[in-house]
Amino acid sequence: MSDYTIDVVKQFSKTPYGRYPDDGDDCGQNFREKLLAPKLREYDHVHVNLDGYNRYGRSFLDEAFGGLIREEGFTWQELQERLSYSHTLVKSIENLIKDRIDAAGGIER
């Protein structure tokens, strides 16, 4: 099984922000399309390390993670098995990602 870790701050942006490219280059859509989705297609398991930035917005996280289901064709079940994510200091970021994936997958909490 092949694994890959994405370090958002080191590999994408020190200040990820916004949903769409109109919000700037460091938006959730660009993160998903240019880094996250391609790595999920290439590797069996992808872990996203969100450490190093504490102000991820809901729009960024929704577009980046929920967009995997809405825009990229991944299923909720696939993401449960093949995607993990962590933020050491701000656990609410992890909860928000889970919420956005669940919402995109039609899972009620």
C-alpha atoms as a PDB file:
ATOM      1  CA  MET A   1       0.000   0.000   0.000  1.00  0.00           C
ATOM      2  CA  SER A   2       1.418   3.371  -0.991  1.00  0.00           C
ATOM      3  CA  ASP A   3       1.062   6.328   1.339  1.00  0.00           C
ATOM      4  CA  TYR A   4       1.625  10.043   0.798  1.00  0.00           C
ATOM      5  CA  THR A   5       1.592  12.956   3.228  1.00  0.00           C
ATOM      6  CA  ILE A   6       0.686  16.468   2.135  1.00  0.00           C
ATOM      7  CA  ASP A   7       2.008  19.235   4.371  1.00  0.00           C
ATOM      8  CA  VAL A   8      -0.302  22.109   3.453  1.00  0.00           C
ATOM      9  CA  VAL A   9       1.928  24.932   4.734  1.00  0.00           C
ATOM     10  CA  LYS A  10       5.107  23.546   3.136  1.00  0.00           C
ATOM     11  CA  GLN A  11       3.666  22.249  -0.135  1.00  0.00           C
ATOM     12  CA  PHE A  12       0.769  24.582  -0.892  1.00  0.00           C
ATOM     13  CA  SER A  13       0.580  27.852   1.031  1.00  0.00           C
ATOM     14  CA  LYS A  14       1.550  29.390   4.345  1.00  0.00           C
ATOM     15  CA  THR A  15      -1.835  31.162   4.359  1.00  0.00           C
ATOM     16  CA  PRO A  16      -4.498  29.065   2.602  1.00  0.00           C
ATOM     17  CA  TYR A  17      -7.650  31.110   2.157  1.00  0.00           C
ATOM     18  CA  GLY A  18     -10.921  31.201   0.275  1.00  0.00           C
ATOM     19  CA  ARG A  19     -12.994  28.850  -1.819  1.00  0.00           C
ATOM     20  CA  TYR A  20     -12.393  29.780  -5.477  1.00  0.00           C
ATOM     21  CA  PRO A  21      -9.538  31.265  -7.525  1.00  0.00           C
ATOM     22  CA  ASP A  22     -11.341  34.635  -7.416  1.00  0.00           C
ATOM     23  CA  ASP A  23     -10.402  34.617  -3.703  1.00  0.00           C
ATOM     24  CA  GLY A  24      -6.711  34.156  -4.566  1.00  0.00           C
ATOM     25  CA  ASP A  25      -4.300  31.455  -5.663  1.00  0.00           C
ATOM     26  CA  ASP A  26      -4.205  29.867  -2.193  1.00  0.00           C
ATOM     27  CA  CYS A  27      -7.869  28.801  -2.312  1.00  0.00           C
ATOM     28  CA  GLY A  28      -9.508  25.479  -1.559  1.00  0.00           C
ATOM     29  CA  GLN A  29     -10.325  24.732  -5.194  1.00  0.00           C
ATOM     30  CA  ASN A  30      -6.677  25.079  -6.214  1.00  0.00           C
ATOM     31  CA  PHE A  31      -5.523  22.946  -3.286  1.00  0.00           C
ATOM     32  CA  ARG A  32      -7.998  20.231  -4.246  1.00  0.00           C
ATOM     33  CA  GLU A  33      -7.398  20.325  -7.996  1.00  0.00           C
ATOM     34  CA  LYS A  34      -3.622  20.788  -8.008  1.00  0.00           C
ATOM     35  CA  LEU A  35      -2.549  18.731  -5.002  1.00  0.00           C
ATOM     36  CA  LEU A  36      -5.128  16.757  -3.016  1.00  0.00           C
ATOM     37  CA  ALA A  37      -7.170  15.045  -5.747  1.00  0.00           C
ATOM     38  CA  PRO A  38      -4.128  14.129  -7.886  1.00  0.00           C
ATOM     39  CA  LYS A  39      -2.395  12.559  -4.877  1.00  0.00           C
ATOM     40  CA  LEU A  40      -5.550  10.611  -3.991  1.00  0.00           C
ATOM     41  CA  ARG A  41      -5.610   9.253  -7.523  1.00  0.00           C
ATOM     42  CA  GLU A  42      -1.926   8.335  -7.385  1.00  0.00           C
ATOM     43  CA  TYR A  43      -1.644   6.837  -3.876  1.00  0.00           C
ATOM     44  CA  ASP A  44      -3.644   4.320  -1.863  1.00  0.00           C
ATOM     45  CA  HIS A  45      -3.735   6.557   1.217  1.00  0.00           C
ATOM     46  CA  VAL A  46      -3.167  10.290   1.634  1.00  0.00           C
ATOM     47  CA  HIS A  47      -2.684  12.083   4.937  1.00  0.00           C
ATOM     48  CA  VAL A  48      -3.074  15.873   5.072  1.00  0.00           C
ATOM     49  CA  ASN A  49      -1.037  17.603   7.762  1.00  0.00           C
ATOM     50  CA  LEU A  50      -2.663  20.962   8.506  1.00  0.00           C
ATOM     51  CA  ASP A  51      -0.182  22.078  11.208  1.00  0.00           C
ATOM     52  CA  GLY A  52       1.521  25.445  10.870  1.00  0.00           C
ATOM     53  CA  TYR A  53      -1.594  27.513  10.201  1.00  0.00           C
ATOM     54  CA  ASN A  54      -4.496  27.915  12.608  1.00  0.00           C
ATOM     55  CA  ARG A  55      -7.027  29.978  10.668  1.00  0.00           C
ATOM     56  CA  TYR A  56      -8.400  27.664   8.002  1.00  0.00           C
ATOM     57  CA  GLY A  57     -11.758  28.991   6.894  1.00  0.00           C
ATOM     58  CA  ARG A  58     -14.857  26.907   6.414  1.00  0.00           C
ATOM     59  CA  SER A  59     -14.994  27.868   2.725  1.00  0.00           C
ATOM     60  CA  PHE A  60     -11.428  26.654   2.114  1.00  0.00           C
ATOM     61  CA  LEU A  61     -12.031  23.355   3.918  1.00  0.00           C
ATOM     62  CA  ASP A  62     -15.405  22.765   2.299  1.00  0.00           C
ATOM     63  CA  GLU A  63     -14.084  23.328  -1.199  1.00  0.00           C
ATOM     64  CA  ALA A  64     -10.902  21.345  -0.621  1.00  0.00           C
ATOM     65  CA  PHE A  65     -12.398  18.330   1.142  1.00  0.00           C
ATOM     66  CA  GLY A  66     -16.136  18.349   0.413  1.00  0.00           C
ATOM     67  CA  GLY A  67     -15.251  19.125  -3.196  1.00  0.00           C
ATOM     68  CA  LEU A  68     -13.573  15.730  -3.461  1.00  0.00           C
ATOM     69  CA  ILE A  69     -17.071  14.236  -3.495  1.00  0.00           C
ATOM     70  CA  ARG A  70     -18.968  17.027  -5.278  1.00  0.00           C
ATOM     71  CA  GLU A  71     -16.417  17.786  -7.995  1.00  0.00           C
ATOM     72  CA  GLU A  72     -13.849  14.985  -8.204  1.00  0.00           C
ATOM     73  CA  GLY A  73     -16.031  11.878  -8.110  1.00  0.00           C
ATOM     74  CA  PHE A  74     -14.711  10.308  -4.916  1.00  0.00           C
ATOM     75  CA  THR A  75     -17.247   8.579  -2.701  1.00  0.00           C
ATOM     76  CA  TRP A  76     -17.732   9.150   1.005  1.00  0.00           C
ATOM     77  CA  GLN A  77     -16.664   5.551   1.658  1.00  0.00           C
ATOM     78  CA  GLU A  78     -13.474   5.945  -0.398  1.00  0.00           C
ATOM     79  CA  LEU A  79     -12.491   9.002   1.606  1.00  0.00           C
ATOM     80  CA  GLN A  80     -13.127   7.185   4.900  1.00  0.00           C
ATOM     81  CA  GLU A  81     -10.698   4.485   3.813  1.00  0.00           C
ATOM     82  CA  ARG A  82      -8.093   6.471   1.904  1.00  0.00           C
ATOM     83  CA  LEU A  83      -7.911   9.971   3.413  1.00  0.00           C
ATOM     84  CA  SER A  84      -6.797  11.153   6.834  1.00  0.00           C
ATOM     85  CA  TYR A  85      -6.007  14.616   8.162  1.00  0.00           C
ATOM     86  CA  SER A  86      -4.685  16.164  11.328  1.00  0.00           C
ATOM     87  CA  HIS A  87      -4.049  19.440  13.083  1.00  0.00           C
ATOM     88  CA  THR A  88      -2.137  19.022  16.324  1.00  0.00           C
ATOM     89  CA  LEU A  89      -3.252  22.246  18.017  1.00  0.00           C
ATOM     90  CA  VAL A  90      -6.727  23.007  16.656  1.00  0.00           C
ATOM     91  CA  LYS A  91      -8.852  19.859  16.683  1.00  0.00           C
ATOM     92  CA  SER A  92     -11.922  21.830  15.595  1.00  0.00           C
ATOM     93  CA  ILE A  93     -10.324  22.015  12.116  1.00  0.00           C
ATOM     94  CA  GLU A  94     -10.415  18.212  11.950  1.00  0.00           C
ATOM     95  CA  ASN A  95     -14.060  18.244  13.053  1.00  0.00           C
ATOM     96  CA  LEU A  96     -14.951  20.798  10.391  1.00  0.00           C
ATOM     97  CA  ILE A  97     -13.306  18.708   7.660  1.00  0.00           C
ATOM     98  CA  LYS A  98     -15.257  15.651   8.799  1.00  0.00           C
ATOM     99  CA  ASP A  99     -18.452  17.717   8.781  1.00  0.00           C
ATOM    100  CA  ARG A 100     -17.789  19.001   5.235  1.00  0.00           C
ATOM    101  CA  ILE A 101     -17.033  15.498   3.910  1.00  0.00           C
ATOM    102  CA  ASP A 102     -20.127  14.097   5.633  1.00  0.00           C
ATOM    103  CA  ALA A 103     -22.312  16.889   4.235  1.00  0.00           C
ATOM    104  CA  ALA A 104     -20.988  16.378   0.699  1.00  0.00           C
ATOM    105  CA  GLY A 105     -21.564  12.639   1.048  1.00  0.00           C
ATOM    106  CA  GLY A 106     -25.115  13.066   2.305  1.00  0.00           C
ATOM    107  CA  ILE A 107     -24.277  11.765   5.767  1.00  0.00           C
ATOM    108  CA  GLU A 108     -26.353  13.319   8.548  1.00  0.00           C
ATOM    109  CA  ARG A 109     -24.809  13.823  11.962  1.00  0.00           C
END
